[in-house]
Amino acid sequence: MARAVVEPAVLELVRQYPRGTPFSTTVTFGGDDFSMCAHVRAQWAAPGQVRIALACWVVNMDTARYLGDNPPVGKEMRLPPEGTAEWDEDLTSRVIGHLAARMNALSTALPTTDEHLTITVPLVLT
């Protein structure tokens, strides 16, 4: 998920938004049985550095089909206050760990007050 979805989303976001402006998106990755979702926030921390906050969760499509919500209701695809999704700390930790390794993070992942993990990475846009 880090390589296929989250890293490209971060790179696209920082190319589109001016320095100093925080930006966020929710991306999904999955198939017929489940969707992994990631809420990604990014903000330029310093020249050449971006702070990335991440929260991941899984939407079980089989459960949605069983309960009659096929596809799942939109609220399951968003974190509070807009949605009902609950972050998966273990999944988030694994995804941000892979992202940190791929993007040469400057520090280890730290928790935020709103159930995200955050890293700062060097990033120079060409």
N, C-alpha and C. Protein backbone atom coordinates (compact mmCIF):
# COMPACT_ATOMS: atom_id res chain seq x y z
N MET A 1 0.83 -1.19 0.00
CA MET A 1 0.00 0.00 0.00
C MET A 1 0.87 1.25 0.00
N ALA A 2 1.97 1.22 0.76
CA ALA A 2 2.85 2.38 0.80
C ALA A 2 3.39 2.71 -0.58
N ARG A 3 3.88 1.70 -1.27
CA ARG A 3 4.49 1.90 -2.58
C ARG A 3 3.43 2.20 -3.65
N ALA A 4 2.34 1.46 -3.63
CA ALA A 4 1.36 1.54 -4.71
C ALA A 4 0.43 2.74 -4.62
N VAL A 5 0.11 3.18 -3.39
CA VAL A 5 -0.94 4.18 -3.25
C VAL A 5 -0.51 5.40 -2.45
N VAL A 6 0.06 5.20 -1.27
CA VAL A 6 0.33 6.33 -0.37
C VAL A 6 1.46 7.22 -0.89
N GLU A 7 2.58 6.63 -1.28
CA GLU A 7 3.70 7.45 -1.76
C GLU A 7 3.31 8.27 -2.99
N PRO A 8 2.67 7.68 -4.01
CA PRO A 8 2.24 8.52 -5.15
C PRO A 8 1.27 9.63 -4.74
N ALA A 9 0.39 9.35 -3.77
CA ALA A 9 -0.56 10.38 -3.32
C ALA A 9 0.18 11.53 -2.66
N VAL A 10 1.18 11.23 -1.83
CA VAL A 10 1.97 12.28 -1.18
C VAL A 10 2.67 13.13 -2.23
N LEU A 11 3.32 12.48 -3.18
CA LEU A 11 4.05 13.22 -4.21
C LEU A 11 3.14 14.10 -5.04
N GLU A 12 1.96 13.58 -5.38
CA GLU A 12 1.01 14.37 -6.16
C GLU A 12 0.50 15.57 -5.35
N LEU A 13 0.22 15.34 -4.08
CA LEU A 13 -0.28 16.43 -3.24
C LEU A 13 0.75 17.55 -3.10
N VAL A 14 2.01 17.21 -2.83
CA VAL A 14 2.99 18.26 -2.61
C VAL A 14 3.30 19.01 -3.91
N ARG A 15 3.08 18.39 -5.04
CA ARG A 15 3.26 19.10 -6.31
C ARG A 15 2.12 20.09 -6.55
N GLN A 16 0.93 19.79 -6.05
CA GLN A 16 -0.24 20.61 -6.33
C GLN A 16 -0.44 21.76 -5.35
N TYR A 17 0.06 21.64 -4.13
CA TYR A 17 -0.26 22.63 -3.11
C TYR A 17 0.96 23.48 -2.78
N PRO A 18 0.74 24.76 -2.54
CA PRO A 18 1.87 25.65 -2.23
C PRO A 18 2.47 25.35 -0.86
N ARG A 19 3.71 25.76 -0.72
CA ARG A 19 4.39 25.58 0.56
C ARG A 19 3.65 26.34 1.66
N GLY A 20 3.57 25.74 2.84
CA GLY A 20 2.90 26.36 3.97
C GLY A 20 1.45 25.97 4.10
N THR A 21 0.84 25.44 3.05
CA THR A 21 -0.56 25.06 3.07
C THR A 21 -0.67 23.57 3.41
N PRO A 22 -1.40 23.21 4.48
CA PRO A 22 -1.61 21.78 4.75
C PRO A 22 -2.61 21.21 3.75
N PHE A 23 -2.45 19.95 3.41
CA PHE A 23 -3.33 19.33 2.46
C PHE A 23 -3.54 17.88 2.85
N SER A 24 -4.68 17.31 2.43
CA SER A 24 -4.97 15.93 2.81
C SER A 24 -5.84 15.27 1.74
N THR A 25 -5.84 13.93 1.78
CA THR A 25 -6.67 13.14 0.90
C THR A 25 -6.86 11.77 1.54
N THR A 26 -7.87 11.05 1.09
CA THR A 26 -8.05 9.66 1.48
C THR A 26 -7.91 8.82 0.21
N VAL A 27 -7.05 7.81 0.29
CA VAL A 27 -6.83 6.92 -0.85
C VAL A 27 -7.22 5.50 -0.45
N THR A 28 -7.59 4.68 -1.43
CA THR A 28 -7.97 3.30 -1.15
C THR A 28 -7.21 2.35 -2.06
N PHE A 29 -7.08 1.12 -1.57
CA PHE A 29 -6.39 0.07 -2.29
C PHE A 29 -7.05 -1.23 -1.90
N GLY A 30 -7.45 -2.04 -2.86
CA GLY A 30 -8.08 -3.30 -2.47
C GLY A 30 -8.74 -3.99 -3.63
N GLY A 31 -9.64 -4.88 -3.27
CA GLY A 31 -10.31 -5.68 -4.28
C GLY A 31 -11.72 -6.03 -3.88
N ASP A 32 -12.15 -7.24 -4.23
CA ASP A 32 -13.52 -7.66 -3.98
C ASP A 32 -13.80 -7.94 -2.51
N ASP A 33 -12.80 -8.37 -1.75
CA ASP A 33 -13.03 -8.78 -0.37
C ASP A 33 -12.83 -7.66 0.65
N PHE A 34 -11.94 -6.72 0.35
CA PHE A 34 -11.64 -5.67 1.30
C PHE A 34 -11.09 -4.46 0.56
N SER A 35 -11.10 -3.33 1.24
CA SER A 35 -10.41 -2.12 0.77
C SER A 35 -9.60 -1.60 1.93
N MET A 36 -8.33 -1.35 1.69
CA MET A 36 -7.50 -0.67 2.68
C MET A 36 -7.58 0.81 2.36
N CYS A 37 -7.83 1.61 3.37
CA CYS A 37 -7.95 3.05 3.19
C CYS A 37 -6.85 3.74 3.97
N ALA A 38 -6.40 4.86 3.47
CA ALA A 38 -5.39 5.64 4.16
C ALA A 38 -5.75 7.11 4.05
N HIS A 39 -5.81 7.78 5.20
CA HIS A 39 -5.97 9.22 5.22
C HIS A 39 -4.57 9.80 5.32
N VAL A 40 -4.21 10.62 4.33
CA VAL A 40 -2.87 11.17 4.23
C VAL A 40 -2.95 12.69 4.37
N ARG A 41 -2.19 13.21 5.32
CA ARG A 41 -2.04 14.67 5.46
C ARG A 41 -0.57 14.99 5.23
N ALA A 42 -0.31 16.08 4.57
CA ALA A 42 1.07 16.49 4.35
C ALA A 42 1.16 18.01 4.44
N GLN A 43 2.33 18.45 4.89
CA GLN A 43 2.58 19.89 4.97
C GLN A 43 4.09 20.09 4.90
N TRP A 44 4.48 21.12 4.17
CA TRP A 44 5.89 21.44 4.12
C TRP A 44 6.32 21.82 5.53
N ALA A 45 7.34 21.15 6.06
CA ALA A 45 7.83 21.40 7.41
C ALA A 45 8.96 22.42 7.40
N ALA A 46 9.78 22.39 6.37
CA ALA A 46 10.92 23.28 6.19
C ALA A 46 11.31 23.16 4.73
N PRO A 47 12.18 24.03 4.25
CA PRO A 47 12.60 23.87 2.86
C PRO A 47 13.17 22.47 2.62
N GLY A 48 12.60 21.77 1.66
CA GLY A 48 13.07 20.43 1.33
C GLY A 48 12.61 19.34 2.26
N GLN A 49 11.64 19.63 3.16
CA GLN A 49 11.13 18.62 4.11
C GLN A 49 9.60 18.68 4.16
N VAL A 50 9.00 17.50 4.13
CA VAL A 50 7.54 17.40 4.21
C VAL A 50 7.18 16.52 5.40
N ARG A 51 6.22 16.99 6.20
CA ARG A 51 5.69 16.21 7.32
C ARG A 51 4.46 15.48 6.81
N ILE A 52 4.46 14.15 6.99
CA ILE A 52 3.36 13.30 6.51
C ILE A 52 2.70 12.65 7.71
N ALA A 53 1.38 12.79 7.82
CA ALA A 53 0.59 12.13 8.86
C ALA A 53 -0.30 11.10 8.16
N LEU A 54 -0.41 9.92 8.75
CA LEU A 54 -1.10 8.81 8.11
C LEU A 54 -1.95 8.04 9.10
N ALA A 55 -3.16 7.69 8.69
CA ALA A 55 -4.02 6.78 9.45
C ALA A 55 -4.63 5.80 8.45
N CYS A 56 -4.54 4.51 8.73
CA CYS A 56 -5.04 3.47 7.82
C CYS A 56 -6.13 2.65 8.51
N TRP A 57 -7.02 2.09 7.71
CA TRP A 57 -8.06 1.19 8.20
C TRP A 57 -8.50 0.30 7.05
N VAL A 58 -9.24 -0.75 7.39
CA VAL A 58 -9.71 -1.71 6.39
C VAL A 58 -11.24 -1.72 6.41
N VAL A 59 -11.83 -1.70 5.22
CA VAL A 59 -13.27 -1.87 5.08
C VAL A 59 -13.49 -3.27 4.52
N ASN A 60 -14.18 -4.11 5.26
CA ASN A 60 -14.44 -5.49 4.85
C ASN A 60 -15.65 -5.51 3.94
N MET A 61 -15.42 -5.79 2.67
CA MET A 61 -16.51 -5.78 1.69
C MET A 61 -17.47 -6.95 1.90
N ASP A 62 -16.96 -8.09 2.39
CA ASP A 62 -17.84 -9.23 2.66
C ASP A 62 -18.86 -8.88 3.74
N THR A 63 -18.41 -8.19 4.80
CA THR A 63 -19.33 -7.77 5.86
C THR A 63 -20.37 -6.81 5.30
N ALA A 64 -19.94 -5.90 4.45
CA ALA A 64 -20.88 -4.95 3.84
C ALA A 64 -21.92 -5.69 3.01
N ARG A 65 -21.48 -6.68 2.25
CA ARG A 65 -22.44 -7.45 1.44
C ARG A 65 -23.41 -8.21 2.34
N TYR A 66 -22.89 -8.79 3.42
CA TYR A 66 -23.72 -9.56 4.34
C TYR A 66 -24.77 -8.67 5.01
N LEU A 67 -24.37 -7.45 5.36
CA LEU A 67 -25.30 -6.54 6.03
C LEU A 67 -26.17 -5.76 5.05
N GLY A 68 -25.95 -5.97 3.75
CA GLY A 68 -26.79 -5.31 2.75
C GLY A 68 -26.27 -3.98 2.27
N ASP A 69 -25.09 -3.55 2.75
CA ASP A 69 -24.51 -2.28 2.31
C ASP A 69 -23.49 -2.56 1.22
N ASN A 70 -23.95 -2.89 0.02
CA ASN A 70 -23.04 -3.22 -1.06
C ASN A 70 -23.21 -2.20 -2.18
N PRO A 71 -22.30 -1.28 -2.41
CA PRO A 71 -21.03 -1.14 -1.71
C PRO A 71 -21.23 -0.57 -0.31
N PRO A 72 -20.15 -0.61 0.50
CA PRO A 72 -20.27 -0.08 1.86
C PRO A 72 -20.72 1.38 1.85
N VAL A 73 -21.39 1.78 2.89
CA VAL A 73 -21.82 3.18 2.98
C VAL A 73 -20.59 4.06 3.01
N GLY A 74 -20.71 5.25 2.46
CA GLY A 74 -19.59 6.18 2.35
C GLY A 74 -18.94 6.53 3.66
N LYS A 75 -19.72 6.51 4.75
CA LYS A 75 -19.16 6.87 6.05
C LYS A 75 -18.06 5.91 6.48
N GLU A 76 -18.13 4.65 6.03
CA GLU A 76 -17.10 3.67 6.40
C GLU A 76 -15.77 3.97 5.72
N MET A 77 -15.80 4.77 4.69
CA MET A 77 -14.59 5.09 3.95
C MET A 77 -13.91 6.36 4.45
N ARG A 78 -14.45 6.98 5.51
CA ARG A 78 -13.89 8.22 6.05
C ARG A 78 -13.75 8.14 7.56
N LEU A 79 -12.76 8.84 8.07
CA LEU A 79 -12.55 8.93 9.51
C LEU A 79 -13.49 9.98 10.10
N PRO A 80 -13.74 9.91 11.42
CA PRO A 80 -14.52 10.96 12.06
C PRO A 80 -13.82 12.31 11.89
N PRO A 81 -14.54 13.40 11.83
CA PRO A 81 -15.95 13.54 12.15
C PRO A 81 -16.87 13.29 10.96
N GLU A 82 -16.33 13.15 9.73
CA GLU A 82 -17.18 12.94 8.56
C GLU A 82 -17.66 11.50 8.42
N GLY A 83 -16.92 10.55 8.99
CA GLY A 83 -17.24 9.15 8.80
C GLY A 83 -17.21 8.35 10.09
N THR A 84 -17.30 7.03 9.92
CA THR A 84 -17.35 6.13 11.07
C THR A 84 -16.17 5.18 11.14
N ALA A 85 -15.21 5.32 10.23
CA ALA A 85 -14.06 4.41 10.21
C ALA A 85 -13.22 4.57 11.47
N GLU A 86 -12.62 3.49 11.89
CA GLU A 86 -11.70 3.52 13.03
C GLU A 86 -10.34 3.09 12.54
N TRP A 87 -9.32 3.88 12.86
CA TRP A 87 -7.98 3.58 12.37
C TRP A 87 -7.48 2.28 12.95
N ASP A 88 -6.65 1.61 12.18
CA ASP A 88 -6.01 0.36 12.59
C ASP A 88 -4.56 0.72 12.89
N GLU A 89 -4.22 0.77 14.17
CA GLU A 89 -2.89 1.23 14.57
C GLU A 89 -1.78 0.34 14.02
N ASP A 90 -1.98 -0.98 14.03
CA ASP A 90 -0.96 -1.89 13.53
C ASP A 90 -0.75 -1.71 12.03
N LEU A 91 -1.83 -1.63 11.26
CA LEU A 91 -1.72 -1.42 9.82
C LEU A 91 -1.05 -0.08 9.53
N THR A 92 -1.47 0.96 10.24
CA THR A 92 -0.88 2.28 10.05
C THR A 92 0.62 2.25 10.33
N SER A 93 1.00 1.58 11.40
CA SER A 93 2.41 1.47 11.77
C SER A 93 3.22 0.77 10.67
N ARG A 94 2.66 -0.31 10.13
CA ARG A 94 3.36 -1.03 9.06
C ARG A 94 3.49 -0.18 7.79
N VAL A 95 2.39 0.47 7.40
CA VAL A 95 2.42 1.27 6.17
C VAL A 95 3.36 2.46 6.32
N ILE A 96 3.30 3.16 7.45
CA ILE A 96 4.18 4.33 7.60
C ILE A 96 5.63 3.88 7.75
N GLY A 97 5.86 2.69 8.30
CA GLY A 97 7.22 2.16 8.37
C GLY A 97 7.80 1.93 6.99
N HIS A 98 7.00 1.33 6.10
CA HIS A 98 7.45 1.13 4.71
C HIS A 98 7.64 2.47 4.00
N LEU A 99 6.71 3.39 4.24
CA LEU A 99 6.82 4.71 3.62
C LEU A 99 8.07 5.43 4.11
N ALA A 100 8.34 5.33 5.40
CA ALA A 100 9.52 5.97 5.98
C ALA A 100 10.80 5.42 5.35
N ALA A 101 10.86 4.11 5.16
CA ALA A 101 12.04 3.49 4.55
C ALA A 101 12.17 3.92 3.09
N ARG A 102 11.07 3.94 2.35
CA ARG A 102 11.12 4.28 0.92
C ARG A 102 11.47 5.75 0.71
N MET A 103 11.03 6.63 1.62
CA MET A 103 11.24 8.07 1.44
C MET A 103 12.35 8.62 2.31
N ASN A 104 13.13 7.74 2.95
CA ASN A 104 14.29 8.15 3.78
C ASN A 104 13.89 9.13 4.87
N ALA A 105 12.94 8.73 5.71
CA ALA A 105 12.43 9.59 6.78
C ALA A 105 13.57 10.08 7.67
N LEU A 106 13.41 11.29 8.16
CA LEU A 106 14.41 11.93 9.01
C LEU A 106 14.26 11.55 10.47
N SER A 107 13.14 10.90 10.83
CA SER A 107 12.90 10.48 12.22
C SER A 107 11.95 9.30 12.22
N THR A 108 11.80 8.70 13.38
CA THR A 108 10.84 7.60 13.51
C THR A 108 9.43 8.16 13.58
N ALA A 109 8.45 7.31 13.32
CA ALA A 109 7.05 7.73 13.33
C ALA A 109 6.62 8.11 14.75
N LEU A 110 5.90 9.21 14.85
CA LEU A 110 5.38 9.69 16.12
C LEU A 110 3.87 9.81 16.04
N PRO A 111 3.17 9.53 17.15
CA PRO A 111 1.70 9.66 17.13
C PRO A 111 1.26 11.12 17.20
N THR A 112 0.08 11.38 16.61
CA THR A 112 -0.55 12.69 16.73
C THR A 112 -1.69 12.56 17.73
N THR A 113 -2.36 13.65 18.00
CA THR A 113 -3.49 13.62 18.94
C THR A 113 -4.75 13.08 18.30
N ASP A 114 -4.76 12.90 16.97
CA ASP A 114 -5.98 12.44 16.30
C ASP A 114 -5.78 11.11 15.57
N GLU A 115 -5.06 10.20 16.20
CA GLU A 115 -4.90 8.83 15.71
C GLU A 115 -4.28 8.74 14.32
N HIS A 116 -3.23 9.47 14.11
CA HIS A 116 -2.39 9.38 12.93
C HIS A 116 -0.96 9.13 13.43
N LEU A 117 -0.12 8.62 12.56
CA LEU A 117 1.31 8.57 12.83
C LEU A 117 1.98 9.51 11.85
N THR A 118 3.03 10.19 12.30
CA THR A 118 3.65 11.20 11.46
C THR A 118 5.15 10.98 11.31
N ILE A 119 5.64 11.29 10.12
CA ILE A 119 7.08 11.27 9.83
C ILE A 119 7.41 12.54 9.06
N THR A 120 8.68 12.89 9.06
CA THR A 120 9.17 13.99 8.24
C THR A 120 10.17 13.40 7.26
N VAL A 121 9.99 13.73 5.99
CA VAL A 121 10.85 13.18 4.94
C VAL A 121 11.49 14.30 4.14
N PRO A 122 12.71 14.04 3.63
CA PRO A 122 13.30 15.01 2.71
C PRO A 122 12.60 14.91 1.37
N LEU A 123 12.33 16.03 0.75
CA LEU A 123 11.66 15.99 -0.54
C LEU A 123 12.03 17.24 -1.33
N VAL A 124 12.65 17.02 -2.47
CA VAL A 124 12.99 18.12 -3.37
C VAL A 124 12.26 17.84 -4.67
N LEU A 125 11.40 18.74 -5.06
CA LEU A 125 10.65 18.58 -6.31
C LEU A 125 11.47 19.11 -7.47
N THR A 126 11.43 18.38 -8.56
CA THR A 126 12.16 18.82 -9.75
C THR A 126 11.19 19.27 -10.82
